Amino acid sequence: MNRFMSPFRALVFAAVVAPLSLLAATPKTAAPAPVAAAAPALAPSSLPQPPEVAARTYLVMDVTANQILAQKDIDTPVEQASLTKLMTAYVVFDALRAKKITLTQTFPVSVKAWKMPGSRMFIDPKMQVPVDDLIKGMIVQSGNDATVALAEGVGGTFEHFVQMMNDQAKALGMNSTTYKNPEGLTEPGHLTTARDLAILATRLQHDFPEYSHYDAIKKYHYPGTPPSNDTNRNGLLFRDPTVDGLKTGHTEAAGYCLIATAKRDFPNVAGRRMLTIVLGTASENARLNESQKLLNWGYTAYEDIKLFGANQAAVTPSVWKGKENVLKLGRPEGIVVAVPAGSAGKIKTQVVRPDPLVAPFAKGQQVGTLKVSLGDQPLVDVPLQVLEPVDQAGILGRAWDAIRLWIK
């Protein structure tokens, strides 16, 4: 450094030309968050084992904790059948929220929609059907005719709507899913995975809670159509009062499929939501029995523990060159983990984050991970987000911190 440089210019120089190695994010393990004391490591066999399930592939997910509790072949490509209609619903709900369509708006019934084989709402080209009723016909009756009418009404053409479905799948991170149609009839390349279906089902409920009531409708038929065709194919709605969705599917190639979701209250976590996916069972009754078995297992084998409340900081590390001295990291919805029943006292947590943390930081920005384990056995990694933004400090503040970092 020039020995004739003024003290002020020296500070500025330090702020701007500080060694790059100090600014680079390097992994650091922070002190464990304040939860239960350490416990002996658990052997993998000590985790709850799921029951035998008569399905090609299945998944049990604790939605509240965002954890998969049990699975089988969830990345294997499978036929989608009418589970496809969940993506059709997502695109339709997105159009409703964007006010591109309304629930009271009517759509015509094309000859293509009228002639659709398989499950039907039994609408015909003489009808102009409100969007609200078409949604009910698609979800409750699994009507392929209602689904195509919605697709043509929202997308302009059948083909454009399918493109919208595929674009949305990519946006949601459903990397193993390809749509060829909006209704789910068997077609080469029309495939998904149980993992992708879990992404879609959870995002559908999270992103559009105002429309989730459609999934729980038990009986519906449109005037002028057969009243005998009025029962939701999801029989769990009639068996289990905590079940409030989601969708059935069946073709010869796919077998009998069901995505079921339920919400039950517990003393430690109210409104605990569980999701099950069973694909490729042998009968309608089998998909109901296997889904119920997995729901009950998930709720009894695991319990949810709230580690941090909504917008509560899990850790507050120091920030450099910022208007604030600390960065609050947590989750807007709080942090809940699912652990084997009775093992809450064995939880250990550890925060892994970059160091040093140099401002600015935007609200919602992911910074670090909360690693949760039972003893020394990893359980789940929870991404941490910035709860409150931290702007850059002024030039003097940045210069002073640059010097402190240099010395450090």
Protein backbone atom coordinates (compact mmCIF):
# COMPACT_ATOMS: atom_id res chain seq x y z
CA MET A 1 0.00 0.00 0.00
CA ASN A 2 1.23 3.52 -0.83
CA ARG A 3 2.74 4.95 2.39
CA PHE A 4 1.44 8.42 1.47
CA MET A 5 -2.20 7.19 1.25
CA SER A 6 -4.56 9.02 3.61
CA PRO A 7 -6.21 7.06 6.45
CA PHE A 8 -9.65 7.50 4.84
CA ARG A 9 -8.41 6.21 1.47
CA ALA A 10 -6.76 3.31 3.25
CA LEU A 11 -10.09 2.35 4.74
CA VAL A 12 -11.77 2.51 1.35
CA PHE A 13 -8.97 0.49 -0.18
CA ALA A 14 -9.44 -2.18 2.46
CA ALA A 15 -13.19 -2.31 1.85
CA VAL A 16 -12.90 -2.68 -1.90
CA VAL A 17 -9.70 -4.65 -2.39
CA ALA A 18 -9.93 -7.02 0.57
CA PRO A 19 -8.50 -10.47 -0.22
CA LEU A 20 -11.00 -12.52 -2.21
CA SER A 21 -10.34 -15.52 -0.03
CA LEU A 22 -12.02 -13.70 2.84
CA LEU A 23 -15.17 -13.09 0.82
CA ALA A 24 -15.54 -16.61 -0.53
CA ALA A 25 -18.10 -18.78 1.27
CA THR A 26 -16.41 -21.69 2.99
CA PRO A 27 -18.27 -24.44 4.85
CA LYS A 28 -18.49 -23.99 8.56
CA THR A 29 -20.21 -26.02 11.23
CA ALA A 30 -21.91 -23.80 13.76
CA ALA A 31 -22.79 -24.71 17.31
CA PRO A 32 -25.79 -27.03 17.68
CA ALA A 33 -29.16 -25.38 18.13
CA PRO A 34 -30.59 -25.57 21.67
CA VAL A 35 -32.65 -28.76 21.69
CA ALA A 36 -32.53 -32.06 23.57
CA ALA A 37 -29.27 -33.37 24.95
CA ALA A 38 -27.15 -35.78 22.93
CA ALA A 39 -28.12 -39.45 22.91
CA PRO A 40 -26.42 -42.65 21.80
CA ALA A 41 -26.42 -43.28 18.05
CA LEU A 42 -29.30 -45.32 16.67
CA ALA A 43 -28.80 -48.27 14.37
CA PRO A 44 -30.68 -48.05 11.06
CA SER A 45 -32.77 -51.06 12.10
CA SER A 46 -34.11 -49.03 15.02
CA LEU A 47 -36.09 -46.80 12.64
CA PRO A 48 -39.73 -47.87 12.25
CA GLN A 49 -40.20 -50.38 9.46
CA PRO A 50 -43.22 -49.86 7.20
CA PRO A 51 -45.81 -52.60 6.74
CA GLU A 52 -45.90 -54.85 3.70
CA VAL A 53 -47.62 -53.00 0.88
CA ALA A 54 -49.16 -54.71 -2.14
CA ALA A 55 -48.24 -52.03 -4.70
CA ARG A 56 -45.64 -51.60 -7.42
CA THR A 57 -44.42 -48.44 -5.77
CA TYR A 58 -45.47 -46.41 -2.75
CA LEU A 59 -44.52 -43.43 -0.63
CA VAL A 60 -45.43 -42.11 2.81
CA MET A 61 -44.70 -38.44 3.42
CA ASP A 62 -45.15 -36.33 6.52
CA VAL A 63 -46.12 -33.10 4.76
CA THR A 64 -45.95 -30.99 7.93
CA ALA A 65 -42.33 -32.02 8.47
CA ASN A 66 -41.60 -32.30 4.73
CA GLN A 67 -40.08 -35.76 5.23
CA ILE A 68 -40.49 -39.01 3.35
CA LEU A 69 -41.00 -41.67 6.02
CA ALA A 70 -41.14 -44.77 3.82
CA GLN A 71 -40.80 -45.51 0.13
CA LYS A 72 -40.44 -48.13 -2.55
CA ASP A 73 -39.13 -47.47 -6.06
CA ILE A 74 -40.24 -43.84 -6.00
CA ASP A 75 -37.97 -42.87 -8.92
CA THR A 76 -39.18 -45.65 -11.23
CA PRO A 77 -41.15 -44.32 -14.23
CA VAL A 78 -44.80 -45.35 -14.05
CA GLU A 79 -48.06 -44.81 -15.90
CA GLN A 80 -49.99 -41.84 -14.50
CA ALA A 81 -53.63 -42.71 -15.26
CA SER A 82 -56.04 -40.10 -13.83
CA LEU A 83 -53.45 -38.84 -11.35
CA THR A 84 -52.59 -36.71 -14.38
CA LYS A 85 -55.63 -34.61 -13.52
CA LEU A 86 -53.78 -33.13 -10.54
CA MET A 87 -51.54 -31.23 -12.94
CA THR A 88 -54.57 -30.24 -15.01
CA ALA A 89 -56.10 -28.88 -11.80
CA TYR A 90 -52.87 -27.01 -10.97
CA VAL A 91 -52.87 -25.23 -14.34
CA VAL A 92 -56.59 -24.44 -14.08
CA PHE A 93 -56.23 -23.08 -10.54
CA ASP A 94 -53.30 -20.94 -11.68
CA ALA A 95 -55.48 -19.49 -14.44
CA LEU A 96 -58.21 -18.75 -11.90
CA ARG A 97 -55.81 -16.95 -9.57
CA ALA A 98 -54.43 -14.93 -12.48
CA LYS A 99 -58.06 -14.01 -13.36
CA LYS A 100 -57.67 -15.38 -16.87
CA ILE A 101 -60.88 -17.33 -16.22
CA THR A 102 -63.58 -17.33 -13.53
CA LEU A 103 -65.49 -20.08 -11.77
CA THR A 104 -68.79 -18.84 -13.18
CA GLN A 105 -67.50 -18.62 -16.74
CA THR A 106 -68.88 -21.32 -19.05
CA PHE A 107 -66.89 -23.45 -21.48
CA PRO A 108 -68.31 -25.25 -24.51
CA VAL A 109 -68.11 -29.03 -24.79
CA SER A 110 -66.28 -30.02 -27.97
CA VAL A 111 -66.95 -33.22 -29.87
CA LYS A 112 -63.51 -34.39 -28.75
CA ALA A 113 -64.42 -33.88 -25.10
CA TRP A 114 -67.84 -35.50 -25.59
CA LYS A 115 -66.34 -38.63 -27.15
CA MET A 116 -63.63 -39.17 -24.53
CA PRO A 117 -63.58 -42.80 -23.33
CA GLY A 118 -63.18 -43.93 -19.72
CA SER A 119 -64.58 -42.12 -16.69
CA ARG A 120 -67.01 -39.40 -17.70
CA MET A 121 -69.09 -36.54 -16.39
CA PHE A 122 -71.54 -37.19 -19.27
CA ILE A 123 -71.62 -33.69 -20.69
CA ASP A 124 -72.34 -33.12 -24.41
CA PRO A 125 -71.89 -30.46 -27.12
CA LYS A 126 -75.31 -28.97 -26.43
CA MET A 127 -74.10 -27.80 -23.03
CA GLN A 128 -72.22 -24.72 -21.84
CA VAL A 129 -70.76 -25.81 -18.50
CA PRO A 130 -69.44 -23.46 -15.76
CA VAL A 131 -65.79 -23.87 -14.83
CA ASP A 132 -66.80 -24.66 -11.24
CA ASP A 133 -68.84 -27.65 -12.40
CA LEU A 134 -66.14 -28.84 -14.79
CA ILE A 135 -63.65 -28.87 -11.93
CA LYS A 136 -66.04 -30.94 -9.83
CA GLY A 137 -66.64 -33.27 -12.75
CA MET A 138 -62.89 -33.70 -13.22
CA ILE A 139 -62.03 -34.28 -9.55
CA VAL A 140 -65.11 -35.97 -8.07
CA GLN A 141 -66.20 -38.02 -11.09
CA SER A 142 -62.72 -38.18 -12.68
CA GLY A 143 -64.44 -37.18 -15.90
CA ASN A 144 -62.19 -37.28 -18.95
CA ASP A 145 -64.78 -35.23 -20.84
CA ALA A 146 -64.76 -32.50 -18.17
CA THR A 147 -60.95 -32.52 -18.16
CA VAL A 148 -60.66 -32.03 -21.92
CA ALA A 149 -63.29 -29.25 -21.82
CA LEU A 150 -61.21 -27.46 -19.17
CA ALA A 151 -57.99 -27.99 -21.11
CA GLU A 152 -59.45 -26.57 -24.30
CA GLY A 153 -61.06 -23.66 -22.46
CA VAL A 154 -57.91 -22.67 -20.56
CA GLY A 155 -55.28 -23.52 -23.17
CA GLY A 156 -57.15 -22.52 -26.29
CA THR A 157 -56.26 -25.88 -27.79
CA PHE A 158 -55.73 -29.35 -26.38
CA GLU A 159 -52.11 -29.35 -27.55
CA HIS A 160 -51.27 -25.96 -26.03
CA PHE A 161 -52.68 -26.99 -22.68
CA VAL A 162 -50.48 -30.11 -22.66
CA GLN A 163 -47.50 -27.85 -23.29
CA MET A 164 -48.59 -25.71 -20.34
CA MET A 165 -48.67 -28.85 -18.19
CA ASN A 166 -45.14 -29.83 -19.19
CA ASP A 167 -43.85 -26.30 -18.61
CA GLN A 168 -45.41 -26.29 -15.15
CA ALA A 169 -43.91 -29.68 -14.34
CA LYS A 170 -40.44 -28.32 -15.11
CA ALA A 171 -41.10 -25.23 -13.00
CA LEU A 172 -42.06 -27.42 -10.03
CA GLY A 173 -38.95 -29.59 -10.37
CA MET A 174 -40.83 -32.67 -11.62
CA ASN A 175 -37.86 -33.75 -13.69
CA SER A 176 -39.06 -37.29 -14.45
CA THR A 177 -42.56 -36.40 -15.65
CA THR A 178 -43.84 -36.02 -19.20
CA TYR A 179 -47.43 -35.25 -20.12
CA LYS A 180 -49.01 -36.29 -23.41
CA ASN A 181 -52.59 -35.48 -22.46
CA PRO A 182 -54.55 -33.78 -19.65
CA GLU A 183 -56.78 -36.70 -18.62
CA GLY A 184 -54.36 -39.61 -18.15
CA LEU A 185 -55.35 -42.18 -20.76
CA THR A 186 -52.48 -44.49 -21.67
CA GLU A 187 -50.15 -43.01 -24.28
CA PRO A 188 -46.48 -43.74 -25.02
CA GLY A 189 -44.21 -41.49 -22.97
CA HIS A 190 -46.97 -40.28 -20.63
CA LEU A 191 -45.00 -41.09 -17.47
CA THR A 192 -44.18 -39.86 -13.99
CA THR A 193 -42.70 -41.13 -10.71
CA ALA A 194 -44.00 -41.36 -7.17
CA ARG A 195 -41.47 -38.71 -6.13
CA ASP A 196 -42.75 -36.28 -8.75
CA LEU A 197 -46.35 -37.00 -7.77
CA ALA A 198 -45.46 -36.13 -4.17
CA ILE A 199 -44.03 -32.81 -5.35
CA LEU A 200 -47.18 -32.08 -7.34
CA ALA A 201 -49.61 -33.11 -4.60
CA THR A 202 -47.91 -31.07 -1.88
CA ARG A 203 -47.48 -28.01 -4.10
CA LEU A 204 -51.10 -28.20 -5.24
CA GLN A 205 -52.35 -28.02 -1.66
CA HIS A 206 -49.75 -25.46 -0.56
CA ASP A 207 -50.08 -23.14 -3.54
CA PHE A 208 -53.88 -23.23 -3.89
CA PRO A 209 -55.46 -23.81 -0.46
CA GLU A 210 -58.54 -21.87 -1.57
CA TYR A 211 -59.40 -24.68 -4.00
CA SER A 212 -58.54 -27.69 -1.83
CA HIS A 213 -62.21 -28.17 -0.87
CA TYR A 214 -62.85 -29.74 -4.29
CA ASP A 215 -60.77 -32.77 -3.28
CA ALA A 216 -63.03 -33.57 -0.32
CA ILE A 217 -66.38 -33.49 -2.15
CA LYS A 218 -68.02 -36.89 -1.71
CA LYS A 219 -71.03 -36.55 -4.01
CA TYR A 220 -71.66 -34.48 -7.12
CA HIS A 221 -73.48 -34.66 -10.45
CA TYR A 222 -74.28 -32.02 -13.04
CA PRO A 223 -77.94 -31.38 -13.98
CA GLY A 224 -78.88 -33.38 -17.04
CA THR A 225 -76.33 -36.11 -16.33
CA PRO A 226 -76.92 -39.51 -14.64
CA PRO A 227 -77.37 -39.04 -10.87
CA SER A 228 -75.95 -42.53 -10.30
CA ASN A 229 -72.56 -41.21 -11.46
CA ASP A 230 -72.18 -38.98 -8.42
CA THR A 231 -69.69 -40.65 -6.07
CA ASN A 232 -66.07 -39.66 -5.56
CA ARG A 233 -63.77 -42.54 -6.54
CA ASN A 234 -61.67 -41.90 -3.42
CA GLY A 235 -63.37 -44.28 -1.01
CA LEU A 236 -61.18 -43.14 1.89
CA LEU A 237 -63.32 -40.00 2.08
CA PHE A 238 -66.11 -42.26 3.30
CA ARG A 239 -63.95 -44.48 5.53
CA ASP A 240 -61.73 -42.01 7.36
CA PRO A 241 -63.04 -38.61 8.51
CA THR A 242 -59.49 -37.18 8.59
CA VAL A 243 -58.97 -37.85 4.87
CA ASP A 244 -59.63 -34.80 2.68
CA GLY A 245 -58.22 -35.79 -0.73
CA LEU A 246 -56.68 -36.28 -3.15
CA LYS A 247 -57.12 -38.33 -6.37
CA THR A 248 -57.59 -41.83 -7.75
CA GLY A 249 -56.38 -43.26 -11.01
CA HIS A 250 -56.85 -46.46 -12.97
CA THR A 251 -55.94 -47.87 -16.35
CA GLU A 252 -55.02 -51.40 -17.32
CA ALA A 253 -51.39 -50.34 -17.69
CA ALA A 254 -51.21 -48.30 -14.46
CA GLY A 255 -53.26 -50.56 -12.21
CA TYR A 256 -55.25 -49.03 -9.37
CA CYS A 257 -53.62 -45.91 -7.92
CA LEU A 258 -54.42 -43.46 -5.15
CA ILE A 259 -52.86 -40.33 -3.70
CA ALA A 260 -54.43 -39.82 -0.29
CA THR A 261 -53.93 -37.01 2.18
CA ALA A 262 -55.19 -36.62 5.74
CA LYS A 263 -54.94 -34.09 8.55
CA ARG A 264 -55.04 -35.08 12.22
CA ASP A 265 -54.54 -33.08 15.39
CA PHE A 266 -51.94 -34.00 18.00
CA PRO A 267 -51.01 -32.28 21.29
CA ASN A 268 -47.60 -31.14 20.02
CA VAL A 269 -48.59 -30.29 16.42
CA ALA A 270 -52.15 -29.44 15.39
CA GLY A 271 -53.22 -30.14 11.82
CA ARG A 272 -50.47 -32.65 11.11
CA ARG A 273 -50.76 -33.61 7.44
CA MET A 274 -49.77 -36.98 5.98
CA LEU A 275 -49.60 -37.96 2.31
CA THR A 276 -49.54 -41.47 0.86
CA ILE A 277 -49.09 -42.60 -2.72
CA VAL A 278 -49.81 -46.17 -3.82
CA LEU A 279 -49.35 -47.05 -7.47
CA GLY A 280 -50.12 -50.27 -9.31
CA THR A 281 -52.33 -52.13 -6.85
CA ALA A 282 -54.52 -55.00 -8.03
CA SER A 283 -58.00 -53.62 -7.26
CA GLU A 284 -59.98 -50.62 -6.12
CA ASN A 285 -60.33 -52.11 -2.67
CA ALA A 286 -56.59 -52.84 -2.48
CA ARG A 287 -55.61 -49.24 -3.16
CA LEU A 288 -57.93 -48.12 -0.35
CA ASN A 289 -56.67 -50.70 2.13
CA GLU A 290 -52.98 -50.12 1.37
CA SER A 291 -53.40 -46.35 1.58
CA GLN A 292 -55.22 -46.54 4.90
CA LYS A 293 -52.57 -48.89 6.24
CA LEU A 294 -49.79 -46.46 5.32
CA LEU A 295 -51.62 -43.41 6.68
CA ASN A 296 -52.16 -45.08 10.05
CA TRP A 297 -48.57 -46.32 10.14
CA GLY A 298 -47.15 -42.86 9.41
CA TYR A 299 -49.18 -41.25 12.18
CA THR A 300 -48.36 -43.90 14.80
CA ALA A 301 -44.77 -44.86 13.95
CA TYR A 302 -43.57 -41.23 13.85
CA GLU A 303 -44.34 -38.12 15.84
CA ASP A 304 -43.80 -34.50 14.86
CA ILE A 305 -41.61 -32.28 17.02
CA LYS A 306 -41.66 -28.52 16.60
CA LEU A 307 -38.09 -27.28 16.92
CA PHE A 308 -38.72 -23.64 16.03
CA GLY A 309 -41.88 -21.62 15.51
CA ALA A 310 -42.85 -19.63 12.46
CA ASN A 311 -40.25 -16.94 11.70
CA GLN A 312 -38.27 -17.96 14.80
CA ALA A 313 -34.51 -17.88 14.27
CA ALA A 314 -32.79 -21.23 14.58
CA VAL A 315 -29.41 -19.47 14.63
CA THR A 316 -28.21 -15.83 14.53
CA PRO A 317 -24.65 -15.75 13.15
CA SER A 318 -22.64 -12.56 12.78
CA VAL A 319 -22.80 -10.58 9.55
CA TRP A 320 -19.98 -8.56 8.03
CA LYS A 321 -20.37 -5.30 6.09
CA GLY A 322 -24.08 -5.11 6.90
CA LYS A 323 -26.40 -2.58 8.49
CA GLU A 324 -27.26 -5.30 11.04
CA ASN A 325 -24.76 -7.23 13.09
CA VAL A 326 -26.50 -10.63 12.94
CA LEU A 327 -28.42 -12.67 10.39
CA LYS A 328 -31.62 -14.43 11.49
CA LEU A 329 -31.90 -17.86 9.88
CA GLY A 330 -34.95 -20.09 10.17
CA ARG A 331 -38.12 -20.97 8.23
CA PRO A 332 -41.18 -18.73 7.68
CA GLU A 333 -43.45 -21.69 8.47
CA GLY A 334 -41.32 -22.89 11.38
CA ILE A 335 -39.27 -26.07 11.61
CA VAL A 336 -40.98 -29.35 12.41
CA VAL A 337 -39.30 -32.75 12.18
CA ALA A 338 -40.77 -36.23 12.21
CA VAL A 339 -38.98 -38.66 14.52
CA PRO A 340 -39.72 -42.23 15.57
CA ALA A 341 -42.38 -42.19 18.27
CA GLY A 342 -40.85 -41.77 21.72
CA SER A 343 -37.42 -40.65 20.49
CA ALA A 344 -37.81 -36.86 20.83
CA GLY A 345 -35.21 -36.75 23.61
CA LYS A 346 -32.54 -38.13 21.25
CA ILE A 347 -32.67 -35.29 18.72
CA LYS A 348 -29.45 -33.43 17.95
CA THR A 349 -29.15 -30.48 15.58
CA GLN A 350 -26.24 -28.82 13.85
CA VAL A 351 -26.16 -25.75 11.61
CA VAL A 352 -23.85 -25.85 8.59
CA ARG A 353 -23.41 -22.48 6.89
CA PRO A 354 -20.94 -20.41 4.86
CA ASP A 355 -18.35 -18.31 6.69
CA PRO A 356 -17.86 -15.41 6.65
CA LEU A 357 -21.36 -14.07 5.97
CA VAL A 358 -20.98 -10.84 3.99
CA ALA A 359 -24.00 -8.59 3.39
CA PRO A 360 -26.30 -8.04 1.56
CA PHE A 361 -28.85 -10.80 2.26
CA ALA A 362 -32.41 -10.85 0.91
CA LYS A 363 -35.41 -12.14 2.82
CA GLY A 364 -36.08 -15.75 1.84
CA GLN A 365 -32.54 -16.33 0.59
CA GLN A 366 -31.28 -19.79 1.49
CA VAL A 367 -28.22 -19.67 3.72
CA GLY A 368 -27.05 -22.87 5.36
CA THR A 369 -28.75 -26.03 6.56
CA LEU A 370 -30.07 -27.34 9.86
CA LYS A 371 -28.94 -30.97 10.10
CA VAL A 372 -31.15 -33.04 12.38
CA SER A 373 -30.03 -36.42 13.65
CA LEU A 374 -31.01 -39.06 16.18
CA GLY A 375 -27.79 -39.52 18.06
CA ASP A 376 -25.23 -39.84 15.28
CA GLN A 377 -27.71 -41.13 12.72
CA PRO A 378 -28.71 -38.45 10.15
CA LEU A 379 -32.45 -37.92 9.96
CA VAL A 380 -33.21 -34.86 7.81
CA ASP A 381 -31.58 -31.72 6.43
CA VAL A 382 -33.67 -28.53 6.65
CA PRO A 383 -32.63 -25.60 4.42
CA LEU A 384 -32.48 -22.34 6.37
CA GLN A 385 -33.76 -19.06 4.98
CA VAL A 386 -33.06 -15.43 5.80
CA LEU A 387 -35.98 -14.23 7.95
CA GLU A 388 -35.14 -10.51 7.86
CA PRO A 389 -33.12 -8.81 5.10
CA VAL A 390 -29.74 -7.29 5.85
CA ASP A 391 -28.61 -4.45 3.57
CA GLN A 392 -25.04 -3.42 2.96
CA ALA A 393 -23.56 -0.96 5.42
CA GLY A 394 -22.22 2.41 4.29
CA ILE A 395 -18.76 2.76 2.86
CA LEU A 396 -17.15 3.40 6.26
CA GLY A 397 -18.91 0.42 7.85
CA ARG A 398 -17.81 -1.85 5.02
CA ALA A 399 -14.28 -0.52 5.24
CA TRP A 400 -14.07 -1.13 8.99
CA ASP A 401 -15.37 -4.70 8.62
CA ALA A 402 -12.94 -5.32 5.77
CA ILE A 403 -10.07 -4.44 8.11
CA ARG A 404 -11.50 -6.68 10.85
CA LEU A 405 -11.84 -9.54 8.36
CA TRP A 406 -8.29 -8.98 7.19
CA ILE A 407 -7.00 -9.17 10.73
CA LYS A 408 -9.18 -12.21 11.46
